[in-house]
Amino acid sequence: MYPLLFRTVAVRLDPETAHHLAMGLIRTVSRVPGLSHAVRATLGRRPARPVTAVAEAGPFARPVPGLLGLAAGMDKDADTVLGMDMLGFGFVEVGTVTARAQPGNETPRLWRHPEMRALRNRMGFNNRGAAAAGEQLRRLRAGRRGRSVVVGANIGKSKVTPLADAVGDYETSAREVARWADYLVVNVSSPNTPGLRDLQAVDALRPILAAVQRAADGAAGRRVPLLVKIAPDLAEADVDAVAELALELGLAGVVATNTTIGHDLGPGGLSGEPLRERSLAVVRRLRERLGEEPVIIGVGGISSVADAEAMLDAGADLLQAYTAFIYQGPAWPGRINRALAAGRAGAPTR
């Protein structure tokens, strides 16, 4: 049903309008007790075995219900966490949030490329700000169901903040959301904020990561797992340098990868199936450089169980998706997580 609905209805809508309508519907269903339970028990049914906690060589302090989570960019303001959990994502990464609320870039800023199973965006970190996201997460954690969801928070630089002041900007966001998050991700790899990718250079990245770790730990009163998200367009030497920096600072790990600017389709970053091979290569290289301990979240081009298995075999501990969810529909995340759990029963974490 979903492919037919997508081809006949969704593609006729402006992509950003369709996004807001879909997110509103998911939120509404998640707030209706009987209906949300039925959806969770069918489409979002959990695998029998969760991903183990760090005490048993897992990625985070507590078990993760499924290997596949929702990538940042879809639930920018932490409004739809329970809905995404209902649909079977193993964890949800909210954001990207910035220290200051901002409207993002002018429209149009989101395009579909169905023939490539891809999306292209130049959203520009549109969000209500880190303080608002922190309040949403606080409310989420006030409920039993909300406390059960594994949630990451992705933080970026406010557009109006000069690169020279990026450290303080990231610190502000970390303080607002760290207490309520299972992990944080520093996003220095979006192509849609001017100059942001310059912060992937290790000399610029080191003080940001060190400051965010201190601010997050202080706000949360515990060690907050911190990861950095990198672009697929980095040269191999730069991927190696980020891996070395992650080891130097004792980061929890790396998210690989963000969208790519390696296309001729127009402005913005491309996501979806065209990223698959490069994302796999980056994950494989990171695992070789990082060794066994740090967490790698693999994202980019995952649309099938085979794609997911390939990413795990390349060295990822967890997976994320966004674009395939748009093209394949609400049953997809639960189906992928159940298939992965069944296929890897008894397999080691790596």
C-alpha atoms as a PDB file:
ATOM      1  CA  MET A   1       0.000   0.000   0.000  1.00  0.00           C
ATOM      2  CA  TYR A   2       2.676   2.499   0.958  1.00  0.00           C
ATOM      3  CA  PRO A   3       4.562   2.493  -2.387  1.00  0.00           C
ATOM      4  CA  LEU A   4       1.274   3.151  -4.191  1.00  0.00           C
ATOM      5  CA  LEU A   5       0.387   5.957  -1.774  1.00  0.00           C
ATOM      6  CA  PHE A   6       3.844   7.475  -2.194  1.00  0.00           C
ATOM      7  CA  ARG A   7       3.719   7.380  -5.997  1.00  0.00           C
ATOM      8  CA  THR A   8       0.181   8.707  -6.321  1.00  0.00           C
ATOM      9  CA  VAL A   9      -0.163  11.156  -3.438  1.00  0.00           C
ATOM     10  CA  ALA A  10       3.087  12.037  -1.659  1.00  0.00           C
ATOM     11  CA  VAL A  11       5.060  12.917  -4.792  1.00  0.00           C
ATOM     12  CA  ARG A  12       2.385  15.479  -5.711  1.00  0.00           C
ATOM     13  CA  LEU A  13       3.046  17.386  -2.489  1.00  0.00           C
ATOM     14  CA  ASP A  14       5.919  19.751  -1.822  1.00  0.00           C
ATOM     15  CA  PRO A  15       8.510  17.594   0.008  1.00  0.00           C
ATOM     16  CA  GLU A  16       8.685  19.818   3.074  1.00  0.00           C
ATOM     17  CA  THR A  17       4.888  20.020   3.288  1.00  0.00           C
ATOM     18  CA  ALA A  18       4.692  16.228   3.046  1.00  0.00           C
ATOM     19  CA  HIS A  19       7.282  15.963   5.805  1.00  0.00           C
ATOM     20  CA  HIS A  20       5.293  18.152   8.190  1.00  0.00           C
ATOM     21  CA  LEU A  21       2.057  16.282   7.442  1.00  0.00           C
ATOM     22  CA  ALA A  22       3.683  12.894   8.001  1.00  0.00           C
ATOM     23  CA  MET A  23       5.338  13.961  11.245  1.00  0.00           C
ATOM     24  CA  GLY A  24       2.052  15.386  12.496  1.00  0.00           C
ATOM     25  CA  LEU A  25       0.251  12.140  11.718  1.00  0.00           C
ATOM     26  CA  ILE A  26       2.907  10.049  13.481  1.00  0.00           C
ATOM     27  CA  ARG A  27       2.731  12.300  16.558  1.00  0.00           C
ATOM     28  CA  THR A  28      -1.067  12.114  16.627  1.00  0.00           C
ATOM     29  CA  VAL A  29      -1.144   8.326  16.425  1.00  0.00           C
ATOM     30  CA  SER A  30       1.506   8.028  19.149  1.00  0.00           C
ATOM     31  CA  ARG A  31      -0.705  10.026  21.528  1.00  0.00           C
ATOM     32  CA  VAL A  32      -3.736   7.729  21.191  1.00  0.00           C
ATOM     33  CA  PRO A  33      -3.128   4.897  23.702  1.00  0.00           C
ATOM     34  CA  GLY A  34      -4.998   2.045  22.028  1.00  0.00           C
ATOM     35  CA  LEU A  35      -3.979   2.971  18.506  1.00  0.00           C
ATOM     36  CA  SER A  36      -0.322   3.549  19.363  1.00  0.00           C
ATOM     37  CA  HIS A  37      -0.184   0.196  21.151  1.00  0.00           C
ATOM     38  CA  ALA A  38      -1.625  -1.548  18.085  1.00  0.00           C
ATOM     39  CA  VAL A  39       0.898   0.110  15.751  1.00  0.00           C
ATOM     40  CA  ARG A  40       3.758  -0.688  18.098  1.00  0.00           C
ATOM     41  CA  ALA A  41       2.639  -4.337  18.376  1.00  0.00           C
ATOM     42  CA  THR A  42       2.463  -4.748  14.593  1.00  0.00           C
ATOM     43  CA  LEU A  43       4.583  -2.373  12.511  1.00  0.00           C
ATOM     44  CA  GLY A  44       6.965  -1.507  15.340  1.00  0.00           C
ATOM     45  CA  ARG A  45       7.258  -4.908  16.978  1.00  0.00           C
ATOM     46  CA  ARG A  46      10.606  -5.218  18.772  1.00  0.00           C
ATOM     47  CA  PRO A  47      13.223  -7.910  18.149  1.00  0.00           C
ATOM     48  CA  ALA A  48      13.359 -10.538  20.899  1.00  0.00           C
ATOM     49  CA  ARG A  49      16.978  -9.676  21.693  1.00  0.00           C
ATOM     50  CA  PRO A  50      18.080  -6.059  22.233  1.00  0.00           C
ATOM     51  CA  VAL A  51      21.572  -4.778  21.489  1.00  0.00           C
ATOM     52  CA  THR A  52      23.497  -5.285  24.727  1.00  0.00           C
ATOM     53  CA  ALA A  53      24.563  -2.536  27.134  1.00  0.00           C
ATOM     54  CA  VAL A  54      28.140  -1.357  27.528  1.00  0.00           C
ATOM     55  CA  ALA A  55      28.628  -3.686  30.492  1.00  0.00           C
ATOM     56  CA  GLU A  56      28.294  -6.553  27.998  1.00  0.00           C
ATOM     57  CA  ALA A  57      30.372  -4.937  25.233  1.00  0.00           C
ATOM     58  CA  GLY A  58      27.443  -2.979  23.801  1.00  0.00           C
ATOM     59  CA  PRO A  59      27.556   0.627  22.547  1.00  0.00           C
ATOM     60  CA  PHE A  60      25.738   2.546  25.308  1.00  0.00           C
ATOM     61  CA  ALA A  61      25.015   2.422  29.036  1.00  0.00           C
ATOM     62  CA  ARG A  62      21.740   0.604  28.526  1.00  0.00           C
ATOM     63  CA  PRO A  63      20.452  -1.883  25.951  1.00  0.00           C
ATOM     64  CA  VAL A  64      19.276  -0.561  22.577  1.00  0.00           C
ATOM     65  CA  PRO A  65      16.068  -2.228  21.321  1.00  0.00           C
ATOM     66  CA  GLY A  66      17.253  -2.494  17.718  1.00  0.00           C
ATOM     67  CA  LEU A  67      20.339  -1.893  15.595  1.00  0.00           C
ATOM     68  CA  LEU A  68      18.655   0.589  13.259  1.00  0.00           C
ATOM     69  CA  GLY A  69      17.857   4.063  14.574  1.00  0.00           C
ATOM     70  CA  LEU A  70      16.490   7.266  13.118  1.00  0.00           C
ATOM     71  CA  ALA A  71      19.150   9.654  11.817  1.00  0.00           C
ATOM     72  CA  ALA A  72      19.181  13.313  12.816  1.00  0.00           C
ATOM     73  CA  GLY A  73      17.349  15.725  10.545  1.00  0.00           C
ATOM     74  CA  MET A  74      13.840  14.323  10.676  1.00  0.00           C
ATOM     75  CA  ASP A  75      12.799  15.111  14.270  1.00  0.00           C
ATOM     76  CA  LYS A  76      14.590  18.417  14.600  1.00  0.00           C
ATOM     77  CA  ASP A  77      12.892  19.615  17.799  1.00  0.00           C
ATOM     78  CA  ALA A  78      12.362  16.304  19.650  1.00  0.00           C
ATOM     79  CA  ASP A  79       8.608  16.439  19.018  1.00  0.00           C
ATOM     80  CA  THR A  80       8.115  12.945  17.584  1.00  0.00           C
ATOM     81  CA  VAL A  81      10.388  10.654  19.597  1.00  0.00           C
ATOM     82  CA  LEU A  82       7.558   8.441  20.869  1.00  0.00           C
ATOM     83  CA  GLY A  83       6.121   8.169  17.372  1.00  0.00           C
ATOM     84  CA  MET A  84       9.419   6.995  15.890  1.00  0.00           C
ATOM     85  CA  ASP A  85       9.855   4.546  18.740  1.00  0.00           C
ATOM     86  CA  MET A  86       6.321   3.301  18.030  1.00  0.00           C
ATOM     87  CA  LEU A  87       7.288   2.556  14.413  1.00  0.00           C
ATOM     88  CA  GLY A  88      10.182   0.321  15.447  1.00  0.00           C
ATOM     89  CA  PHE A  89      13.324   2.438  15.326  1.00  0.00           C
ATOM     90  CA  GLY A  90      15.776   1.118  17.896  1.00  0.00           C
ATOM     91  CA  PHE A  91      16.848   4.607  18.929  1.00  0.00           C
ATOM     92  CA  VAL A  92      16.093   8.167  17.872  1.00  0.00           C
ATOM     93  CA  GLU A  93      18.588  10.961  17.226  1.00  0.00           C
ATOM     94  CA  VAL A  94      16.936  14.376  17.460  1.00  0.00           C
ATOM     95  CA  GLY A  95      18.179  17.623  15.950  1.00  0.00           C
ATOM     96  CA  THR A  96      20.262  19.119  14.629  1.00  0.00           C
ATOM     97  CA  VAL A  97      19.637  21.724  17.343  1.00  0.00           C
ATOM     98  CA  THR A  98      21.556  24.977  17.660  1.00  0.00           C
ATOM     99  CA  ALA A  99      22.196  27.321  20.578  1.00  0.00           C
ATOM    100  CA  ARG A 100      19.942  29.929  18.978  1.00  0.00           C
ATOM    101  CA  ALA A 101      16.584  29.301  17.359  1.00  0.00           C
ATOM    102  CA  GLN A 102      16.775  29.813  13.609  1.00  0.00           C
ATOM    103  CA  PRO A 103      14.440  29.491  10.614  1.00  0.00           C
ATOM    104  CA  GLY A 104      16.935  27.785   8.325  1.00  0.00           C
ATOM    105  CA  ASN A 105      17.510  28.599   4.686  1.00  0.00           C
ATOM    106  CA  GLU A 106      14.911  30.020   2.330  1.00  0.00           C
ATOM    107  CA  THR A 107      12.566  27.644   0.510  1.00  0.00           C
ATOM    108  CA  PRO A 108      12.587  25.539  -1.565  1.00  0.00           C
ATOM    109  CA  ARG A 109      15.164  23.590   0.404  1.00  0.00           C
ATOM    110  CA  LEU A 110      14.167  19.929   0.090  1.00  0.00           C
ATOM    111  CA  TRP A 111      13.971  17.872  -3.105  1.00  0.00           C
ATOM    112  CA  ARG A 112      13.183  14.252  -3.954  1.00  0.00           C
ATOM    113  CA  HIS A 113      15.136  12.251  -6.523  1.00  0.00           C
ATOM    114  CA  PRO A 114      13.026   9.057  -6.785  1.00  0.00           C
ATOM    115  CA  GLU A 115      14.973   7.621  -9.702  1.00  0.00           C
ATOM    116  CA  MET A 116      18.034   7.548  -7.410  1.00  0.00           C
ATOM    117  CA  ARG A 117      16.127   6.730  -4.204  1.00  0.00           C
ATOM    118  CA  ALA A 118      17.681   9.910  -2.829  1.00  0.00           C
ATOM    119  CA  LEU A 119      16.838  13.208  -1.171  1.00  0.00           C
ATOM    120  CA  ARG A 120      18.622  16.518  -1.439  1.00  0.00           C
ATOM    121  CA  ASN A 121      18.356  19.214   1.198  1.00  0.00           C
ATOM    122  CA  ARG A 122      19.677  22.633   2.119  1.00  0.00           C
ATOM    123  CA  MET A 123      17.551  23.026   5.243  1.00  0.00           C
ATOM    124  CA  GLY A 124      20.149  24.972   7.225  1.00  0.00           C
ATOM    125  CA  PHE A 125      19.476  23.639  10.744  1.00  0.00           C
ATOM    126  CA  ASN A 126      15.943  25.045  11.056  1.00  0.00           C
ATOM    127  CA  ASN A 127      14.963  24.460  14.705  1.00  0.00           C
ATOM    128  CA  ARG A 128      13.493  26.142  17.785  1.00  0.00           C
ATOM    129  CA  GLY A 129      16.829  26.209  19.605  1.00  0.00           C
ATOM    130  CA  ALA A 130      18.611  24.022  22.137  1.00  0.00           C
ATOM    131  CA  ALA A 131      16.688  25.354  25.142  1.00  0.00           C
ATOM    132  CA  ALA A 132      13.373  24.383  23.526  1.00  0.00           C
ATOM    133  CA  ALA A 133      14.729  20.956  22.590  1.00  0.00           C
ATOM    134  CA  GLY A 134      15.973  20.456  26.135  1.00  0.00           C
ATOM    135  CA  GLU A 135      12.521  21.254  27.463  1.00  0.00           C
ATOM    136  CA  GLN A 136      10.930  18.792  25.050  1.00  0.00           C
ATOM    137  CA  LEU A 137      13.351  16.089  26.165  1.00  0.00           C
ATOM    138  CA  ARG A 138      12.686  16.880  29.824  1.00  0.00           C
ATOM    139  CA  ARG A 139       8.971  16.372  29.229  1.00  0.00           C
ATOM    140  CA  LEU A 140       9.672  13.169  27.334  1.00  0.00           C
ATOM    141  CA  ARG A 141      11.706  11.766  30.209  1.00  0.00           C
ATOM    142  CA  ALA A 142       8.931  12.607  32.684  1.00  0.00           C
ATOM    143  CA  GLY A 143       6.885   9.667  31.378  1.00  0.00           C
ATOM    144  CA  ARG A 144       7.628   5.958  31.697  1.00  0.00           C
ATOM    145  CA  ARG A 145       7.483   5.358  27.962  1.00  0.00           C
ATOM    146  CA  GLY A 146       9.660   8.385  27.272  1.00  0.00           C
ATOM    147  CA  ARG A 147      12.302   7.214  29.719  1.00  0.00           C
ATOM    148  CA  SER A 148      12.481   3.868  27.943  1.00  0.00           C
ATOM    149  CA  VAL A 149      13.526   5.298  24.561  1.00  0.00           C
ATOM    150  CA  VAL A 150      17.222   5.549  23.701  1.00  0.00           C
ATOM    151  CA  VAL A 151      17.638   9.143  22.501  1.00  0.00           C
ATOM    152  CA  GLY A 152      20.626  10.961  21.060  1.00  0.00           C
ATOM    153  CA  ALA A 153      20.868  14.719  20.570  1.00  0.00           C
ATOM    154  CA  ASN A 154      22.696  16.150  17.555  1.00  0.00           C
ATOM    155  CA  ILE A 155      24.082  19.671  18.036  1.00  0.00           C
ATOM    156  CA  GLY A 156      25.349  22.142  15.441  1.00  0.00           C
ATOM    157  CA  LYS A 157      26.578  25.722  15.174  1.00  0.00           C
ATOM    158  CA  SER A 158      24.117  28.600  14.955  1.00  0.00           C
ATOM    159  CA  LYS A 159      24.369  30.306  11.565  1.00  0.00           C
ATOM    160  CA  VAL A 160      24.818  33.778  13.091  1.00  0.00           C
ATOM    161  CA  THR A 161      27.697  32.649  15.300  1.00  0.00           C
ATOM    162  CA  PRO A 162      31.136  33.331  13.766  1.00  0.00           C
ATOM    163  CA  LEU A 163      33.412  30.330  13.363  1.00  0.00           C
ATOM    164  CA  ALA A 164      35.754  31.922  15.906  1.00  0.00           C
ATOM    165  CA  ASP A 165      33.009  31.649  18.532  1.00  0.00           C
ATOM    166  CA  ALA A 166      31.910  28.115  17.635  1.00  0.00           C
ATOM    167  CA  VAL A 167      33.224  26.551  20.856  1.00  0.00           C
ATOM    168  CA  GLY A 168      30.924  28.584  23.077  1.00  0.00           C
ATOM    169  CA  ASP A 169      27.972  28.023  20.756  1.00  0.00           C
ATOM    170  CA  TYR A 170      28.359  24.240  20.909  1.00  0.00           C
ATOM    171  CA  GLU A 171      28.876  24.380  24.689  1.00  0.00           C
ATOM    172  CA  THR A 172      25.567  26.200  25.126  1.00  0.00           C
ATOM    173  CA  SER A 173      23.667  23.548  23.186  1.00  0.00           C
ATOM    174  CA  ALA A 174      25.362  20.730  25.073  1.00  0.00           C
ATOM    175  CA  ARG A 175      24.350  22.167  28.441  1.00  0.00           C
ATOM    176  CA  GLU A 176      20.719  22.435  27.363  1.00  0.00           C
ATOM    177  CA  VAL A 177      20.222  18.859  26.146  1.00  0.00           C
ATOM    178  CA  ALA A 178      22.886  16.645  27.744  1.00  0.00           C
ATOM    179  CA  ARG A 179      20.980  15.787  30.909  1.00  0.00           C
ATOM    180  CA  TRP A 180      18.172  14.166  28.920  1.00  0.00           C
ATOM    181  CA  ALA A 181      20.200  12.394  26.220  1.00  0.00           C
ATOM    182  CA  ASP A 182      21.748   8.934  26.092  1.00  0.00           C
ATOM    183  CA  TYR A 183      24.450  10.343  23.823  1.00  0.00           C
ATOM    184  CA  LEU A 184      25.431  13.559  22.041  1.00  0.00           C
ATOM    185  CA  VAL A 185      26.654  14.073  18.483  1.00  0.00           C
ATOM    186  CA  VAL A 186      28.673  17.117  17.406  1.00  0.00           C
ATOM    187  CA  ASN A 187      27.689  17.919  13.831  1.00  0.00           C
ATOM    188  CA  VAL A 188      30.466  19.666  11.925  1.00  0.00           C
ATOM    189  CA  SER A 189      29.623  18.089   8.582  1.00  0.00           C
ATOM    190  CA  SER A 190      26.403  19.600   7.248  1.00  0.00           C
ATOM    191  CA  PRO A 191      27.034  21.386   3.935  1.00  0.00           C
ATOM    192  CA  ASN A 192      24.186  23.833   4.548  1.00  0.00           C
ATOM    193  CA  THR A 193      25.693  26.160   7.185  1.00  0.00           C
ATOM    194  CA  PRO A 194      28.423  28.386   5.695  1.00  0.00           C
ATOM    195  CA  GLY A 195      31.901  27.381   6.848  1.00  0.00           C
ATOM    196  CA  LEU A 196      30.703  24.531   9.075  1.00  0.00           C
ATOM    197  CA  ARG A 197      32.695  21.820   7.358  1.00  0.00           C
ATOM    198  CA  ASP A 198      35.874  23.802   8.010  1.00  0.00           C
ATOM    199  CA  LEU A 199      35.425  22.729  11.644  1.00  0.00           C
ATOM    200  CA  GLN A 200      36.211  19.120  10.680  1.00  0.00           C
ATOM    201  CA  ALA A 201      39.894  20.081  10.563  1.00  0.00           C
ATOM    202  CA  VAL A 202      41.350  18.633  13.742  1.00  0.00           C
ATOM    203  CA  ASP A 203      42.867  21.891  14.980  1.00  0.00           C
ATOM    204  CA  ALA A 204      39.407  23.494  14.905  1.00  0.00           C
ATOM    205  CA  LEU A 205      37.581  20.359  16.043  1.00  0.00           C
ATOM    206  CA  ARG A 206      39.708  19.535  19.090  1.00  0.00           C
ATOM    207  CA  PRO A 207      38.644  22.505  21.270  1.00  0.00           C
ATOM    208  CA  ILE A 208      34.986  22.063  20.310  1.00  0.00           C
ATOM    209  CA  LEU A 209      34.887  18.407  21.274  1.00  0.00           C
ATOM    210  CA  ALA A 210      36.821  18.933  24.500  1.00  0.00           C
ATOM    211  CA  ALA A 211      34.559  21.819  25.534  1.00  0.00           C
ATOM    212  CA  VAL A 212      31.347  19.968  24.650  1.00  0.00           C
ATOM    213  CA  GLN A 213      32.435  16.925  26.652  1.00  0.00           C
ATOM    214  CA  ARG A 214      33.125  19.080  29.733  1.00  0.00           C
ATOM    215  CA  ALA A 215      29.875  21.017  29.377  1.00  0.00           C
ATOM    216  CA  ALA A 216      27.781  17.900  28.796  1.00  0.00           C
ATOM    217  CA  ASP A 217      29.288  15.977  31.713  1.00  0.00           C
ATOM    218  CA  GLY A 218      28.851  18.959  34.013  1.00  0.00           C
ATOM    219  CA  ALA A 219      25.216  19.489  33.029  1.00  0.00           C
ATOM    220  CA  ALA A 220      24.297  15.808  33.257  1.00  0.00           C
ATOM    221  CA  GLY A 221      26.351  14.894  36.320  1.00  0.00           C
ATOM    222  CA  ARG A 222      27.715  11.838  34.494  1.00  0.00           C
ATOM    223  CA  ARG A 223      29.932  10.923  31.577  1.00  0.00           C
ATOM    224  CA  VAL A 224      27.867  11.592  28.454  1.00  0.00           C
ATOM    225  CA  PRO A 225      28.883   9.519  25.411  1.00  0.00           C
ATOM    226  CA  LEU A 226      30.046  11.996  22.767  1.00  0.00           C
ATOM    227  CA  LEU A 227      30.382  11.244  19.066  1.00  0.00           C
ATOM    228  CA  VAL A 228      31.345  13.411  16.101  1.00  0.00           C
ATOM    229  CA  LYS A 229      29.542  13.233  12.747  1.00  0.00           C
ATOM    230  CA  ILE A 230      31.697  13.504   9.642  1.00  0.00           C
ATOM    231  CA  ALA A 231      31.101  14.038   5.938  1.00  0.00           C
ATOM    232  CA  PRO A 232      31.548  11.377   3.257  1.00  0.00           C
ATOM    233  CA  ASP A 233      33.522  13.923   1.252  1.00  0.00           C
ATOM    234  CA  LEU A 234      36.521  13.947   3.617  1.00  0.00           C
ATOM    235  CA  ALA A 235      39.812  12.802   2.141  1.00  0.00           C
ATOM    236  CA  GLU A 236      41.208   9.573   3.555  1.00  0.00           C
ATOM    237  CA  ALA A 237      43.902  11.422   5.494  1.00  0.00           C
ATOM    238  CA  ASP A 238      41.261  13.604   7.103  1.00  0.00           C
ATOM    239  CA  VAL A 239      39.174  10.569   8.099  1.00  0.00           C
ATOM    240  CA  ASP A 240      42.302   9.168   9.722  1.00  0.00           C
ATOM    241  CA  ALA A 241      42.924  12.442  11.531  1.00  0.00           C
ATOM    242  CA  VAL A 242      39.396  12.485  12.967  1.00  0.00           C
ATOM    243  CA  ALA A 243      39.839   8.894  14.133  1.00  0.00           C
ATOM    244  CA  GLU A 244      43.119   9.790  15.843  1.00  0.00           C
ATOM    245  CA  LEU A 245      41.464  12.774  17.515  1.00  0.00           C
ATOM    246  CA  ALA A 246      38.586  10.612  18.753  1.00  0.00           C
ATOM    247  CA  LEU A 247      41.099   8.267  20.365  1.00  0.00           C
ATOM    248  CA  GLU A 248      43.123  11.152  21.796  1.00  0.00           C
ATOM    249  CA  LEU A 249      40.082  12.719  23.465  1.00  0.00           C
ATOM    250  CA  GLY A 250      38.476   9.445  24.523  1.00  0.00           C
ATOM    251  CA  LEU A 251      35.302  10.094  22.533  1.00  0.00           C
ATOM    252  CA  ALA A 252      32.574   7.473  22.520  1.00  0.00           C
ATOM    253  CA  GLY A 253      32.833   7.255  18.748  1.00  0.00           C
ATOM    254  CA  VAL A 254      31.982   8.579  15.287  1.00  0.00           C
ATOM    255  CA  VAL A 255      28.839   8.865  13.153  1.00  0.00           C
ATOM    256  CA  ALA A 256      29.635   8.193   9.490  1.00  0.00           C
ATOM    257  CA  THR A 257      28.392   9.779   7.325  1.00  0.00           C
ATOM    258  CA  ASN A 258      26.456  12.980   6.658  1.00  0.00           C
ATOM    259  CA  THR A 259      25.140  14.038   3.222  1.00  0.00           C
ATOM    260  CA  THR A 260      27.427  14.523   0.257  1.00  0.00           C
ATOM    261  CA  ILE A 261      28.087  17.547  -1.942  1.00  0.00           C
ATOM    262  CA  GLY A 262      29.635  15.274  -4.573  1.00  0.00           C
ATOM    263  CA  HIS A 263      26.821  15.657  -7.105  1.00  0.00           C
ATOM    264  CA  ASP A 264      25.620  18.011  -9.852  1.00  0.00           C
ATOM    265  CA  LEU A 265      21.922  18.116  -8.959  1.00  0.00           C
ATOM    266  CA  GLY A 266      21.857  21.598  -7.472  1.00  0.00           C
ATOM    267  CA  PRO A 267      22.409  23.139  -4.043  1.00  0.00           C
ATOM    268  CA  GLY A 268      22.421  21.103  -0.840  1.00  0.00           C
ATOM    269  CA  GLY A 269      23.586  17.732   0.411  1.00  0.00           C
ATOM    270  CA  LEU A 270      22.466  14.426  -1.130  1.00  0.00           C
ATOM    271  CA  SER A 271      21.327  11.480   0.999  1.00  0.00           C
ATOM    272  CA  GLY A 272      20.118   7.993   0.180  1.00  0.00           C
ATOM    273  CA  GLU A 273      21.352   5.184  -2.020  1.00  0.00           C
ATOM    274  CA  PRO A 274      24.060   7.184  -3.875  1.00  0.00           C
ATOM    275  CA  LEU A 275      25.995   7.403  -0.573  1.00  0.00           C
ATOM    276  CA  ARG A 276      26.129   3.680   0.102  1.00  0.00           C
ATOM    277  CA  GLU A 277      29.552   2.745  -1.204  1.00  0.00           C
ATOM    278  CA  ARG A 278      31.344   5.803   0.143  1.00  0.00           C
ATOM    279  CA  SER A 279      29.721   5.479   3.565  1.00  0.00           C
ATOM    280  CA  LEU A 280      30.771   1.840   3.710  1.00  0.00           C
ATOM    281  CA  ALA A 281      34.337   2.793   2.813  1.00  0.00           C
ATOM    282  CA  VAL A 282      34.474   5.481   5.511  1.00  0.00           C
ATOM    283  CA  VAL A 283      33.089   3.124   8.155  1.00  0.00           C
ATOM    284  CA  ARG A 284      35.561   0.427   7.169  1.00  0.00           C
ATOM    285  CA  ARG A 285      38.480   2.865   7.355  1.00  0.00           C
ATOM    286  CA  LEU A 286      37.324   4.257  10.703  1.00  0.00           C
ATOM    287  CA  ARG A 287      37.114   0.772  12.215  1.00  0.00           C
ATOM    288  CA  GLU A 288      40.630   0.010  11.077  1.00  0.00           C
ATOM    289  CA  ARG A 289      41.933   3.224  12.656  1.00  0.00           C
ATOM    290  CA  LEU A 290      39.817   3.230  15.806  1.00  0.00           C
ATOM    291  CA  GLY A 291      40.227  -0.388  16.819  1.00  0.00           C
ATOM    292  CA  GLU A 292      37.468  -2.299  18.585  1.00  0.00           C
ATOM    293  CA  GLU A 293      36.414   0.006  21.411  1.00  0.00           C
ATOM    294  CA  PRO A 294      34.854   3.230  20.023  1.00  0.00           C
ATOM    295  CA  VAL A 295      31.308   3.122  18.701  1.00  0.00           C
ATOM    296  CA  ILE A 296      30.657   3.666  15.006  1.00  0.00           C
ATOM    297  CA  ILE A 297      27.143   4.543  13.869  1.00  0.00           C
ATOM    298  CA  GLY A 298      26.908   3.805  10.158  1.00  0.00           C
ATOM    299  CA  VAL A 299      24.516   5.901   8.094  1.00  0.00           C
ATOM    300  CA  GLY A 300      24.206   6.518   4.375  1.00  0.00           C
ATOM    301  CA  GLY A 301      22.478   4.473   1.689  1.00  0.00           C
ATOM    302  CA  ILE A 302      20.940   1.779   3.885  1.00  0.00           C
ATOM    303  CA  SER A 303      17.691   0.653   2.262  1.00  0.00           C
ATOM    304  CA  SER A 304      17.634  -3.137   2.687  1.00  0.00           C
ATOM    305  CA  VAL A 305      18.676  -5.851   5.107  1.00  0.00           C
ATOM    306  CA  ALA A 306      21.642  -6.602   2.832  1.00  0.00           C
ATOM    307  CA  ASP A 307      22.735  -2.953   2.981  1.00  0.00           C
ATOM    308  CA  ALA A 308      22.449  -2.990   6.756  1.00  0.00           C
ATOM    309  CA  GLU A 309      24.407  -6.228   7.049  1.00  0.00           C
ATOM    310  CA  ALA A 310      27.140  -4.809   4.819  1.00  0.00           C
ATOM    311  CA  MET A 311      27.449  -1.754   7.055  1.00  0.00           C
ATOM    312  CA  LEU A 312      27.676  -3.905  10.169  1.00  0.00           C
ATOM    313  CA  ASP A 313      30.266  -6.127   8.509  1.00  0.00           C
ATOM    314  CA  ALA A 314      32.269  -3.011   7.625  1.00  0.00           C
ATOM    315  CA  GLY A 315      32.563  -2.247  11.332  1.00  0.00           C
ATOM    316  CA  ALA A 316      29.483  -0.301  12.411  1.00  0.00           C
ATOM    317  CA  ASP A 317      27.991  -1.066  15.816  1.00  0.00           C
ATOM    318  CA  LEU A 318      24.683   0.670  15.146  1.00  0.00           C
ATOM    319  CA  LEU A 319      22.933   1.984  12.048  1.00  0.00           C
ATOM    320  CA  GLN A 320      20.828   4.991  11.140  1.00  0.00           C
ATOM    321  CA  ALA A 321      18.517   5.822   8.274  1.00  0.00           C
ATOM    322  CA  TYR A 322      16.333   8.663   7.070  1.00  0.00           C
ATOM    323  CA  THR A 323      15.874   8.606   3.297  1.00  0.00           C
ATOM    324  CA  ALA A 324      14.866   4.946   3.005  1.00  0.00           C
ATOM    325  CA  PHE A 325      12.197   5.538   5.647  1.00  0.00           C
ATOM    326  CA  ILE A 326      10.682   8.207   3.369  1.00  0.00           C
ATOM    327  CA  TYR A 327      10.656   5.925   0.335  1.00  0.00           C
ATOM    328  CA  GLN A 328       9.695   2.647   2.050  1.00  0.00           C
ATOM    329  CA  GLY A 329       7.242   3.741   4.702  1.00  0.00           C
ATOM    330  CA  PRO A 330       6.245   3.199   8.333  1.00  0.00           C
ATOM    331  CA  ALA A 331       6.637  -0.588   8.403  1.00  0.00           C
ATOM    332  CA  TRP A 332      10.249  -0.423   7.225  1.00  0.00           C
ATOM    333  CA  PRO A 333      12.248   0.314  10.425  1.00  0.00           C
ATOM    334  CA  GLY A 334      10.585  -2.425  12.467  1.00  0.00           C
ATOM    335  CA  ARG A 335      10.956  -4.921   9.633  1.00  0.00           C
ATOM    336  CA  ILE A 336      14.667  -4.158   9.226  1.00  0.00           C
ATOM    337  CA  ASN A 337      15.358  -4.408  12.959  1.00  0.00           C
ATOM    338  CA  ARG A 338      13.573  -7.735  13.302  1.00  0.00           C
ATOM    339  CA  ALA A 339      15.363  -9.158  10.269  1.00  0.00           C
ATOM    340  CA  LEU A 340      18.753  -8.014  11.537  1.00  0.00           C
ATOM    341  CA  ALA A 341      18.147  -9.484  14.975  1.00  0.00           C
ATOM    342  CA  ALA A 342      17.086 -12.812  13.468  1.00  0.00           C
ATOM    343  CA  GLY A 343      19.991 -12.911  11.060  1.00  0.00           C
ATOM    344  CA  ARG A 344      22.621 -12.046  13.648  1.00  0.00           C
ATOM    345  CA  ALA A 345      21.336 -14.142  16.558  1.00  0.00           C
ATOM    346  CA  GLY A 346      24.363 -15.385  18.453  1.00  0.00           C
ATOM    347  CA  ALA A 347      26.761 -13.235  16.420  1.00  0.00           C
ATOM    348  CA  PRO A 348      29.352 -11.132  18.261  1.00  0.00           C
ATOM    349  CA  THR A 349      28.857  -7.356  18.560  1.00  0.00           C
ATOM    350  CA  ARG A 350      31.520  -6.903  15.857  1.00  0.00           C
END
